[in-house]
All heavy atoms as atom14 arrays in JSON, in Angstrom:
{
  "sequence": "SLKRTPSKKQTGVFGVKISVVTKRERSKIPYVVRQCVEEVEKRGIDEV",
  "atom14_mask": [
    [1, 1, 1, 1, 1, 1, 0, 0, 0, 0, 0, 0, 0, 0],
    [1, 1, 1, 1, 1, 1, 1, 1, 0, 0, 0, 0, 0, 0],
    [1, 1, 1, 1, 1, 1, 1, 1, 1, 0, 0, 0, 0, 0],
    [1, 1, 1, 1, 1, 1, 1, 1, 1, 1, 1, 0, 0, 0],
    [1, 1, 1, 1, 1, 1, 1, 0, 0, 0, 0, 0, 0, 0],
    [1, 1, 1, 1, 1, 1, 1, 0, 0, 0, 0, 0, 0, 0],
    [1, 1, 1, 1, 1, 1, 0, 0, 0, 0, 0, 0, 0, 0],
    [1, 1, 1, 1, 1, 1, 1, 1, 1, 0, 0, 0, 0, 0],
    [1, 1, 1, 1, 1, 1, 1, 1, 1, 0, 0, 0, 0, 0],
    [1, 1, 1, 1, 1, 1, 1, 1, 1, 0, 0, 0, 0, 0],
    [1, 1, 1, 1, 1, 1, 1, 0, 0, 0, 0, 0, 0, 0],
    [1, 1, 1, 1, 0, 0, 0, 0, 0, 0, 0, 0, 0, 0],
    [1, 1, 1, 1, 1, 1, 1, 0, 0, 0, 0, 0, 0, 0],
    [1, 1, 1, 1, 1, 1, 1, 1, 1, 1, 1, 0, 0, 0],
    [1, 1, 1, 1, 0, 0, 0, 0, 0, 0, 0, 0, 0, 0],
    [1, 1, 1, 1, 1, 1, 1, 0, 0, 0, 0, 0, 0, 0],
    [1, 1, 1, 1, 1, 1, 1, 1, 1, 0, 0, 0, 0, 0],
    [1, 1, 1, 1, 1, 1, 1, 1, 0, 0, 0, 0, 0, 0],
    [1, 1, 1, 1, 1, 1, 0, 0, 0, 0, 0, 0, 0, 0],
    [1, 1, 1, 1, 1, 1, 1, 0, 0, 0, 0, 0, 0, 0],
    [1, 1, 1, 1, 1, 1, 1, 0, 0, 0, 0, 0, 0, 0],
    [1, 1, 1, 1, 1, 1, 1, 0, 0, 0, 0, 0, 0, 0],
    [1, 1, 1, 1, 1, 1, 1, 1, 1, 0, 0, 0, 0, 0],
    [1, 1, 1, 1, 1, 1, 1, 1, 1, 1, 1, 0, 0, 0],
    [1, 1, 1, 1, 1, 1, 1, 1, 1, 0, 0, 0, 0, 0],
    [1, 1, 1, 1, 1, 1, 1, 1, 1, 1, 1, 0, 0, 0],
    [1, 1, 1, 1, 1, 1, 0, 0, 0, 0, 0, 0, 0, 0],
    [1, 1, 1, 1, 1, 1, 1, 1, 1, 0, 0, 0, 0, 0],
    [1, 1, 1, 1, 1, 1, 1, 1, 0, 0, 0, 0, 0, 0],
    [1, 1, 1, 1, 1, 1, 1, 0, 0, 0, 0, 0, 0, 0],
    [1, 1, 1, 1, 1, 1, 1, 1, 1, 1, 1, 1, 0, 0],
    [1, 1, 1, 1, 1, 1, 1, 0, 0, 0, 0, 0, 0, 0],
    [1, 1, 1, 1, 1, 1, 1, 0, 0, 0, 0, 0, 0, 0],
    [1, 1, 1, 1, 1, 1, 1, 1, 1, 1, 1, 0, 0, 0],
    [1, 1, 1, 1, 1, 1, 1, 1, 1, 0, 0, 0, 0, 0],
    [1, 1, 1, 1, 1, 1, 0, 0, 0, 0, 0, 0, 0, 0],
    [1, 1, 1, 1, 1, 1, 1, 0, 0, 0, 0, 0, 0, 0],
    [1, 1, 1, 1, 1, 1, 1, 1, 1, 0, 0, 0, 0, 0],
    [1, 1, 1, 1, 1, 1, 1, 1, 1, 0, 0, 0, 0, 0],
    [1, 1, 1, 1, 1, 1, 1, 0, 0, 0, 0, 0, 0, 0],
    [1, 1, 1, 1, 1, 1, 1, 1, 1, 0, 0, 0, 0, 0],
    [1, 1, 1, 1, 1, 1, 1, 1, 1, 0, 0, 0, 0, 0],
    [1, 1, 1, 1, 1, 1, 1, 1, 1, 1, 1, 0, 0, 0],
    [1, 1, 1, 1, 0, 0, 0, 0, 0, 0, 0, 0, 0, 0],
    [1, 1, 1, 1, 1, 1, 1, 1, 0, 0, 0, 0, 0, 0],
    [1, 1, 1, 1, 1, 1, 1, 1, 0, 0, 0, 0, 0, 0],
    [1, 1, 1, 1, 1, 1, 1, 1, 1, 0, 0, 0, 0, 0],
    [1, 1, 1, 1, 1, 1, 1, 0, 0, 0, 0, 0, 0, 0]
  ],
  "atom14_positions": [
    [[0.81, -1.22, 0.0], [0.0, 0.0, 0.0], [0.84, 1.26, 0.0], [0.39, 2.31, -0.43], [-0.96, 0.0, 1.19], [-0.24, 0.06, 2.4], [0.0, 0.0, 0.0], [0.0, 0.0, 0.0], [0.0, 0.0, 0.0], [0.0, 0.0, 0.0], [0.0, 0.0, 0.0], [0.0, 0.0, 0.0], [0.0, 0.0, 0.0], [0.0, 0.0, 0.0]],
    [[2.07, 1.21, 0.47], [2.94, 2.39, 0.51], [3.97, 2.4, -0.6], [4.78, 3.31, -0.69], [3.65, 2.47, 1.86], [2.75, 2.68, 3.06], [3.57, 2.69, 4.35], [1.96, 3.97, 2.94], [0.0, 0.0, 0.0], [0.0, 0.0, 0.0], [0.0, 0.0, 0.0], [0.0, 0.0, 0.0], [0.0, 0.0, 0.0], [0.0, 0.0, 0.0]],
    [[3.96, 1.39, -1.45], [4.97, 1.28, -2.5], [4.76, 2.37, -3.56], [3.67, 2.59, -4.04], [4.87, -0.1, -3.15], [6.01, -0.4, -4.09], [5.93, -1.84, -4.55], [7.15, -2.2, -5.36], [7.12, -3.58, -5.76], [0.0, 0.0, 0.0], [0.0, 0.0, 0.0], [0.0, 0.0, 0.0], [0.0, 0.0, 0.0], [0.0, 0.0, 0.0]],
    [[5.84, 3.04, -3.91], [5.79, 4.05, -4.96], [6.41, 3.47, -6.21], [7.39, 2.74, -6.14], [6.58, 5.29, -4.54], [5.97, 6.02, -3.37], [6.89, 7.13, -2.93], [6.4, 7.75, -1.72], [5.98, 9.01, -1.67], [6.0, 9.75, -2.73], [5.54, 9.51, -0.55], [0.0, 0.0, 0.0], [0.0, 0.0, 0.0], [0.0, 0.0, 0.0]],
    [[5.84, 3.81, -7.33], [6.41, 3.34, -8.58], [7.1, 4.51, -9.27], [6.5, 5.57, -9.43], [5.33, 2.75, -9.52], [4.26, 3.68, -9.61], [4.81, 1.44, -9.0], [0.0, 0.0, 0.0], [0.0, 0.0, 0.0], [0.0, 0.0, 0.0], [0.0, 0.0, 0.0], [0.0, 0.0, 0.0], [0.0, 0.0, 0.0], [0.0, 0.0, 0.0]],
    [[8.35, 4.33, -9.64], [9.08, 5.43, -10.27], [8.43, 5.85, -11.58], [7.91, 5.03, -12.32], [10.46, 4.84, -10.53], [10.51, 3.52, -9.88], [9.12, 3.12, -9.52], [0.0, 0.0, 0.0], [0.0, 0.0, 0.0], [0.0, 0.0, 0.0], [0.0, 0.0, 0.0], [0.0, 0.0, 0.0], [0.0, 0.0, 0.0], [0.0, 0.0, 0.0]],
    [[8.47, 7.14, -11.84], [7.89, 7.68, -13.07], [9.0, 7.92, -14.09], [10.09, 8.33, -13.76], [7.19, 9.0, -12.76], [6.75, 9.61, -13.94], [0.0, 0.0, 0.0], [0.0, 0.0, 0.0], [0.0, 0.0, 0.0], [0.0, 0.0, 0.0], [0.0, 0.0, 0.0], [0.0, 0.0, 0.0], [0.0, 0.0, 0.0], [0.0, 0.0, 0.0]],
    [[8.71, 7.66, -15.34], [9.64, 7.94, -16.43], [9.4, 9.35, -16.97], [10.11, 9.84, -17.81], [9.44, 6.93, -17.57], [9.56, 5.48, -17.14], [11.01, 5.1, -16.91], [11.11, 3.62, -16.66], [11.77, 3.27, -15.45], [0.0, 0.0, 0.0], [0.0, 0.0, 0.0], [0.0, 0.0, 0.0], [0.0, 0.0, 0.0], [0.0, 0.0, 0.0]],
    [[8.33, 9.99, -16.47], [7.91, 11.29, -16.93], [8.96, 12.35, -16.57], [9.43, 12.41, -15.46], [6.57, 11.61, -16.25], [5.95, 12.89, -16.63], [4.62, 13.03, -15.89], [4.09, 14.42, -16.07], [2.94, 14.67, -15.22], [0.0, 0.0, 0.0], [0.0, 0.0, 0.0], [0.0, 0.0, 0.0], [0.0, 0.0, 0.0], [0.0, 0.0, 0.0]],
    [[9.31, 13.18, -17.53], [10.28, 14.25, -17.27], [9.7, 15.63, -17.55], [10.38, 16.63, -17.38], [11.54, 14.03, -18.12], [12.33, 12.8, -17.73], [12.82, 12.84, -16.28], [13.4, 13.8, -15.84], [12.54, 11.79, -15.54], [0.0, 0.0, 0.0], [0.0, 0.0, 0.0], [0.0, 0.0, 0.0], [0.0, 0.0, 0.0], [0.0, 0.0, 0.0]],
    [[8.46, 15.69, -18.01], [7.82, 16.98, -18.26], [6.78, 17.22, -17.19], [6.35, 16.3, -16.51], [7.16, 17.01, -19.65], [6.17, 15.97, -19.71], [8.17, 16.81, -20.76], [0.0, 0.0, 0.0], [0.0, 0.0, 0.0], [0.0, 0.0, 0.0], [0.0, 0.0, 0.0], [0.0, 0.0, 0.0], [0.0, 0.0, 0.0], [0.0, 0.0, 0.0]],
    [[6.35, 18.46, -17.06], [5.38, 18.79, -16.03], [6.03, 18.75, -14.67], [7.26, 18.76, -14.54], [0.0, 0.0, 0.0], [0.0, 0.0, 0.0], [0.0, 0.0, 0.0], [0.0, 0.0, 0.0], [0.0, 0.0, 0.0], [0.0, 0.0, 0.0], [0.0, 0.0, 0.0], [0.0, 0.0, 0.0], [0.0, 0.0, 0.0], [0.0, 0.0, 0.0]],
    [[5.2, 18.71, -13.63], [5.74, 18.68, -12.27], [5.19, 17.52, -11.44], [5.89, 17.02, -10.57], [5.5, 20.01, -11.54], [6.3, 21.13, -12.16], [4.04, 20.38, -11.49], [0.0, 0.0, 0.0], [0.0, 0.0, 0.0], [0.0, 0.0, 0.0], [0.0, 0.0, 0.0], [0.0, 0.0, 0.0], [0.0, 0.0, 0.0], [0.0, 0.0, 0.0]],
    [[3.98, 17.1, -11.71], [3.38, 16.01, -10.94], [3.97, 14.68, -11.38], [4.04, 14.39, -12.57], [1.86, 16.0, -11.1], [1.17, 17.06, -10.3], [1.13, 18.37, -10.75], [0.59, 16.76, -9.08], [0.5, 19.36, -10.01], [-0.04, 17.75, -8.32], [-0.07, 19.05, -8.8], [0.0, 0.0, 0.0], [0.0, 0.0, 0.0], [0.0, 0.0, 0.0]],
    [[4.43, 13.88, -10.42], [5.0, 12.58, -10.74], [6.44, 12.64, -11.2], [7.01, 11.63, -11.6], [0.0, 0.0, 0.0], [0.0, 0.0, 0.0], [0.0, 0.0, 0.0], [0.0, 0.0, 0.0], [0.0, 0.0, 0.0], [0.0, 0.0, 0.0], [0.0, 0.0, 0.0], [0.0, 0.0, 0.0], [0.0, 0.0, 0.0], [0.0, 0.0, 0.0]],
    [[7.06, 13.8, -11.12], [8.45, 13.98, -11.55], [9.29, 14.18, -10.29], [8.85, 14.84, -9.34], [8.58, 15.21, -12.48], [10.02, 15.43, -12.89], [7.7, 15.03, -13.7], [0.0, 0.0, 0.0], [0.0, 0.0, 0.0], [0.0, 0.0, 0.0], [0.0, 0.0, 0.0], [0.0, 0.0, 0.0], [0.0, 0.0, 0.0], [0.0, 0.0, 0.0]],
    [[10.5, 13.62, -10.28], [11.39, 13.79, -9.13], [11.54, 15.27, -8.79], [11.7, 16.1, -9.68], [12.77, 13.21, -9.41], [12.85, 11.73, -9.3], [14.3, 11.29, -9.45], [14.43, 9.82, -9.12], [15.83, 9.4, -9.12], [0.0, 0.0, 0.0], [0.0, 0.0, 0.0], [0.0, 0.0, 0.0], [0.0, 0.0, 0.0], [0.0, 0.0, 0.0]],
    [[11.51, 15.56, -7.51], [11.59, 16.95, -7.07], [12.92, 17.57, -7.49], [12.98, 18.76, -7.83], [11.35, 17.06, -5.54], [10.96, 18.48, -5.17], [12.54, 16.56, -4.75], [10.36, 18.6, -3.78], [0.0, 0.0, 0.0], [0.0, 0.0, 0.0], [0.0, 0.0, 0.0], [0.0, 0.0, 0.0], [0.0, 0.0, 0.0], [0.0, 0.0, 0.0]],
    [[13.98, 16.78, -7.54], [15.28, 17.31, -7.96], [15.27, 17.72, -9.43], [15.9, 18.71, -9.81], [16.39, 16.29, -7.72], [16.13, 15.09, -8.44], [0.0, 0.0, 0.0], [0.0, 0.0, 0.0], [0.0, 0.0, 0.0], [0.0, 0.0, 0.0], [0.0, 0.0, 0.0], [0.0, 0.0, 0.0], [0.0, 0.0, 0.0], [0.0, 0.0, 0.0]],
    [[14.52, 17.0, -10.26], [14.4, 17.34, -11.69], [13.62, 18.65, -11.84], [14.01, 19.54, -12.6], [13.7, 16.2, -12.47], [13.38, 16.62, -13.89], [14.56, 14.94, -12.45], [0.0, 0.0, 0.0], [0.0, 0.0, 0.0], [0.0, 0.0, 0.0], [0.0, 0.0, 0.0], [0.0, 0.0, 0.0], [0.0, 0.0, 0.0], [0.0, 0.0, 0.0]],
    [[12.53, 18.78, -11.08], [11.69, 19.98, -11.17], [12.46, 21.2, -10.68], [12.46, 22.24, -11.34], [10.39, 19.79, -10.36], [9.59, 21.08, -10.31], [9.55, 18.67, -10.95], [0.0, 0.0, 0.0], [0.0, 0.0, 0.0], [0.0, 0.0, 0.0], [0.0, 0.0, 0.0], [0.0, 0.0, 0.0], [0.0, 0.0, 0.0], [0.0, 0.0, 0.0]],
    [[13.14, 21.09, -9.55], [13.86, 22.25, -9.01], [15.03, 22.65, -9.91], [15.31, 23.83, -10.06], [14.36, 21.99, -7.58], [15.14, 20.81, -7.55], [13.19, 21.88, -6.61], [0.0, 0.0, 0.0], [0.0, 0.0, 0.0], [0.0, 0.0, 0.0], [0.0, 0.0, 0.0], [0.0, 0.0, 0.0], [0.0, 0.0, 0.0], [0.0, 0.0, 0.0]],
    [[15.67, 21.67, -10.52], [16.77, 21.99, -11.45], [16.22, 22.71, -12.67], [16.77, 23.71, -13.12], [17.5, 20.7, -11.85], [18.72, 20.94, -12.71], [19.45, 19.65, -13.0], [20.69, 19.9, -13.83], [21.39, 18.66, -14.14], [0.0, 0.0, 0.0], [0.0, 0.0, 0.0], [0.0, 0.0, 0.0], [0.0, 0.0, 0.0], [0.0, 0.0, 0.0]],
    [[15.11, 22.2, -13.22], [14.5, 22.82, -14.4], [14.02, 24.24, -14.09], [14.16, 25.14, -14.9], [13.31, 21.97, -14.86], [12.67, 22.48, -16.13], [11.42, 21.73, -16.55], [11.38, 20.34, -16.23], [10.34, 19.74, -15.61], [9.26, 20.43, -15.29], [10.34, 18.46, -15.35], [0.0, 0.0, 0.0], [0.0, 0.0, 0.0], [0.0, 0.0, 0.0]],
    [[13.47, 24.44, -12.89], [12.94, 25.75, -12.51], [14.0, 26.67, -11.92], [13.73, 27.83, -11.63], [11.8, 25.57, -11.5], [10.59, 24.88, -12.07], [9.49, 24.68, -11.03], [9.69, 24.98, -9.83], [8.41, 24.21, -11.43], [0.0, 0.0, 0.0], [0.0, 0.0, 0.0], [0.0, 0.0, 0.0], [0.0, 0.0, 0.0], [0.0, 0.0, 0.0]],
    [[15.2, 26.13, -11.71], [16.3, 26.89, -11.09], [15.85, 27.48, -9.75], [15.99, 28.69, -9.51], [16.81, 27.97, -12.02], [17.45, 27.41, -13.26], [18.07, 28.51, -14.1], [18.68, 27.93, -15.29], [18.29, 28.18, -16.52], [17.3, 29.01, -16.74], [18.9, 27.61, -17.53], [0.0, 0.0, 0.0], [0.0, 0.0, 0.0], [0.0, 0.0, 0.0]],
    [[15.29, 26.62, -8.92], [14.77, 27.04, -7.63], [14.93, 25.89, -6.64], [14.93, 24.72, -7.03], [13.3, 27.41, -7.77], [12.73, 27.64, -6.51], [0.0, 0.0, 0.0], [0.0, 0.0, 0.0], [0.0, 0.0, 0.0], [0.0, 0.0, 0.0], [0.0, 0.0, 0.0], [0.0, 0.0, 0.0], [0.0, 0.0, 0.0], [0.0, 0.0, 0.0]],
    [[15.05, 26.2, -5.37], [15.16, 25.15, -4.35], [13.8, 24.56, -4.0], [13.72, 23.46, -3.49], [15.82, 25.7, -3.09], [17.28, 26.02, -3.28], [17.92, 26.46, -1.99], [19.39, 26.73, -2.24], [20.1, 27.08, -1.02], [0.0, 0.0, 0.0], [0.0, 0.0, 0.0], [0.0, 0.0, 0.0], [0.0, 0.0, 0.0], [0.0, 0.0, 0.0]],
    [[12.74, 25.31, -4.27], [11.37, 24.86, -3.96], [10.55, 24.92, -5.24], [10.51, 25.97, -5.9], [10.73, 25.74, -2.88], [11.58, 25.7, -1.6], [9.3, 25.3, -2.6], [11.18, 26.72, -0.57], [0.0, 0.0, 0.0], [0.0, 0.0, 0.0], [0.0, 0.0, 0.0], [0.0, 0.0, 0.0], [0.0, 0.0, 0.0], [0.0, 0.0, 0.0]],
    [[9.88, 23.83, -5.61], [9.08, 23.84, -6.84], [8.01, 24.94, -6.82], [7.42, 25.25, -5.78], [8.43, 22.46, -6.86], [9.32, 21.61, -6.02], [9.86, 22.52, -4.96], [0.0, 0.0, 0.0], [0.0, 0.0, 0.0], [0.0, 0.0, 0.0], [0.0, 0.0, 0.0], [0.0, 0.0, 0.0], [0.0, 0.0, 0.0], [0.0, 0.0, 0.0]],
    [[7.75, 25.5, -7.98], [6.77, 26.57, -8.15], [5.41, 26.15, -7.61], [4.73, 26.95, -6.93], [6.68, 26.92, -9.64], [5.73, 28.03, -9.97], [6.05, 29.35, -9.63], [4.53, 27.78, -10.63], [5.17, 30.39, -9.94], [3.66, 28.81, -10.94], [3.98, 30.11, -10.59], [3.12, 31.13, -10.89], [0.0, 0.0, 0.0], [0.0, 0.0, 0.0]],
    [[4.99, 24.91, -7.87], [3.68, 24.44, -7.41], [3.6, 24.52, -5.89], [2.58, 24.92, -5.32], [3.35, 23.02, -7.93], [4.37, 22.0, -7.46], [1.95, 22.58, -7.52], [0.0, 0.0, 0.0], [0.0, 0.0, 0.0], [0.0, 0.0, 0.0], [0.0, 0.0, 0.0], [0.0, 0.0, 0.0], [0.0, 0.0, 0.0], [0.0, 0.0, 0.0]],
    [[4.67, 24.16, -5.2], [4.68, 24.2, -3.73], [4.64, 25.65, -3.25], [3.84, 26.01, -2.38], [5.92, 23.47, -3.17], [6.02, 23.65, -1.66], [5.88, 21.99, -3.54], [0.0, 0.0, 0.0], [0.0, 0.0, 0.0], [0.0, 0.0, 0.0], [0.0, 0.0, 0.0], [0.0, 0.0, 0.0], [0.0, 0.0, 0.0], [0.0, 0.0, 0.0]],
    [[5.48, 26.5, -3.84], [5.53, 27.91, -3.43], [4.17, 28.58, -3.6], [3.69, 29.27, -2.7], [6.58, 28.68, -4.24], [8.0, 28.39, -3.84], [8.99, 29.4, -4.41], [8.74, 29.85, -5.76], [9.24, 29.29, -6.86], [10.02, 28.23, -6.76], [8.97, 29.77, -8.05], [0.0, 0.0, 0.0], [0.0, 0.0, 0.0], [0.0, 0.0, 0.0]],
    [[3.55, 28.39, -4.76], [2.29, 29.07, -5.05], [1.14, 28.56, -4.17], [0.34, 29.35, -3.68], [1.93, 28.95, -6.53], [2.86, 29.72, -7.44], [2.99, 31.18, -7.03], [2.02, 31.86, -6.76], [4.23, 31.66, -6.97], [0.0, 0.0, 0.0], [0.0, 0.0, 0.0], [0.0, 0.0, 0.0], [0.0, 0.0, 0.0], [0.0, 0.0, 0.0]],
    [[1.06, 27.25, -4.0], [-0.02, 26.68, -3.17], [0.14, 27.11, -1.71], [-0.83, 27.52, -1.06], [-0.05, 25.17, -3.28], [-0.66, 24.57, -4.88], [0.0, 0.0, 0.0], [0.0, 0.0, 0.0], [0.0, 0.0, 0.0], [0.0, 0.0, 0.0], [0.0, 0.0, 0.0], [0.0, 0.0, 0.0], [0.0, 0.0, 0.0], [0.0, 0.0, 0.0]],
    [[1.36, 27.03, -1.18], [1.59, 27.42, 0.21], [1.31, 28.91, 0.4], [0.68, 29.31, 1.38], [3.04, 27.06, 0.65], [3.39, 27.72, 1.97], [3.19, 25.54, 0.76], [0.0, 0.0, 0.0], [0.0, 0.0, 0.0], [0.0, 0.0, 0.0], [0.0, 0.0, 0.0], [0.0, 0.0, 0.0], [0.0, 0.0, 0.0], [0.0, 0.0, 0.0]],
    [[1.74, 29.72, -0.55], [1.5, 31.17, -0.46], [0.0, 31.46, -0.42], [-0.46, 32.29, 0.37], [2.15, 31.86, -1.66], [2.1, 33.37, -1.6], [2.83, 33.99, -2.77], [4.05, 33.74, -2.92], [2.17, 34.72, -3.55], [0.0, 0.0, 0.0], [0.0, 0.0, 0.0], [0.0, 0.0, 0.0], [0.0, 0.0, 0.0], [0.0, 0.0, 0.0]],
    [[-0.76, 30.79, -1.27], [-2.2, 31.02, -1.31], [-2.88, 30.53, -0.03], [-3.78, 31.18, 0.5], [-2.82, 30.34, -2.54], [-4.15, 30.87, -2.95], [-4.14, 32.33, -3.4], [-3.13, 32.8, -3.97], [-5.17, 33.01, -3.2], [0.0, 0.0, 0.0], [0.0, 0.0, 0.0], [0.0, 0.0, 0.0], [0.0, 0.0, 0.0], [0.0, 0.0, 0.0]],
    [[-2.44, 29.39, 0.48], [-3.01, 28.87, 1.74], [-2.69, 29.83, 2.88], [-3.55, 30.12, 3.72], [-2.48, 27.44, 2.04], [-2.79, 27.03, 3.47], [-3.08, 26.44, 1.06], [0.0, 0.0, 0.0], [0.0, 0.0, 0.0], [0.0, 0.0, 0.0], [0.0, 0.0, 0.0], [0.0, 0.0, 0.0], [0.0, 0.0, 0.0], [0.0, 0.0, 0.0]],
    [[-1.46, 30.34, 2.93], [-1.1, 31.28, 3.99], [-1.87, 32.59, 3.86], [-2.22, 33.22, 4.85], [0.4, 31.56, 3.97], [1.2, 30.4, 4.51], [2.7, 30.64, 4.52], [3.16, 31.67, 3.94], [3.42, 29.82, 5.1], [0.0, 0.0, 0.0], [0.0, 0.0, 0.0], [0.0, 0.0, 0.0], [0.0, 0.0, 0.0], [0.0, 0.0, 0.0]],
    [[-2.16, 33.0, 2.63], [-2.86, 34.26, 2.41], [-4.35, 34.14, 2.75], [-4.91, 35.01, 3.4], [-2.71, 34.66, 0.93], [-3.19, 36.06, 0.64], [-3.08, 36.52, -0.82], [-2.22, 35.71, -1.71], [-2.29, 36.1, -3.12], [0.0, 0.0, 0.0], [0.0, 0.0, 0.0], [0.0, 0.0, 0.0], [0.0, 0.0, 0.0], [0.0, 0.0, 0.0]],
    [[-4.99, 33.04, 2.29], [-6.45, 32.96, 2.43], [-6.95, 31.86, 3.35], [-8.11, 31.86, 3.75], [-7.1, 32.72, 1.06], [-6.93, 33.84, 0.1], [-7.8, 33.66, -1.13], [-7.44, 32.5, -1.93], [-8.31, 31.58, -2.35], [-9.57, 31.65, -2.05], [-7.89, 30.57, -3.09], [0.0, 0.0, 0.0], [0.0, 0.0, 0.0], [0.0, 0.0, 0.0]],
    [[-6.12, 30.88, 3.65], [-6.64, 29.7, 4.35], [-6.15, 29.49, 5.75], [-6.49, 28.49, 6.39], [0.0, 0.0, 0.0], [0.0, 0.0, 0.0], [0.0, 0.0, 0.0], [0.0, 0.0, 0.0], [0.0, 0.0, 0.0], [0.0, 0.0, 0.0], [0.0, 0.0, 0.0], [0.0, 0.0, 0.0], [0.0, 0.0, 0.0], [0.0, 0.0, 0.0]],
    [[-5.37, 30.41, 6.26], [-4.74, 30.21, 7.55], [-5.76, 30.1, 8.68], [-5.53, 29.43, 9.68], [-3.67, 31.31, 7.82], [-2.59, 30.78, 8.73], [-4.28, 32.57, 8.34], [-1.67, 29.8, 8.09], [0.0, 0.0, 0.0], [0.0, 0.0, 0.0], [0.0, 0.0, 0.0], [0.0, 0.0, 0.0], [0.0, 0.0, 0.0], [0.0, 0.0, 0.0]],
    [[-6.93, 30.72, 8.51], [-7.97, 30.66, 9.55], [-9.01, 29.58, 9.29], [-9.96, 29.43, 10.06], [-8.66, 32.02, 9.68], [-7.72, 33.08, 10.23], [-6.85, 32.74, 11.05], [-7.84, 34.25, 9.8], [0.0, 0.0, 0.0], [0.0, 0.0, 0.0], [0.0, 0.0, 0.0], [0.0, 0.0, 0.0], [0.0, 0.0, 0.0], [0.0, 0.0, 0.0]],
    [[-8.85, 28.83, 8.19], [-9.79, 27.75, 7.87], [-9.6, 26.57, 8.82], [-8.46, 26.2, 9.12], [-9.58, 27.26, 6.44], [-9.98, 28.23, 5.37], [-11.49, 28.32, 5.2], [-12.18, 27.3, 5.35], [-11.95, 29.43, 4.91], [0.0, 0.0, 0.0], [0.0, 0.0, 0.0], [0.0, 0.0, 0.0], [0.0, 0.0, 0.0], [0.0, 0.0, 0.0]],
    [[-10.69, 25.99, 9.26], [-10.61, 24.82, 10.12], [-10.39, 23.6, 9.24], [-11.09, 23.39, 8.25], [-11.92, 24.65, 10.93], [-11.88, 23.37, 11.74], [-12.13, 25.86, 11.83], [0.0, 0.0, 0.0], [0.0, 0.0, 0.0], [0.0, 0.0, 0.0], [0.0, 0.0, 0.0], [0.0, 0.0, 0.0], [0.0, 0.0, 0.0], [0.0, 0.0, 0.0]]
  ]
}
């Protein structure tokens, strides 16, 4: 149930190794993580 299957996908961000995404984006944190966290901190911090 916890087994992960490696992805051969090299495009996009979902299912791609985080090191590949950060290298491609030239950033230590993937854009998807930065944007989602920023939006949650901006609008969702008081959500239960």
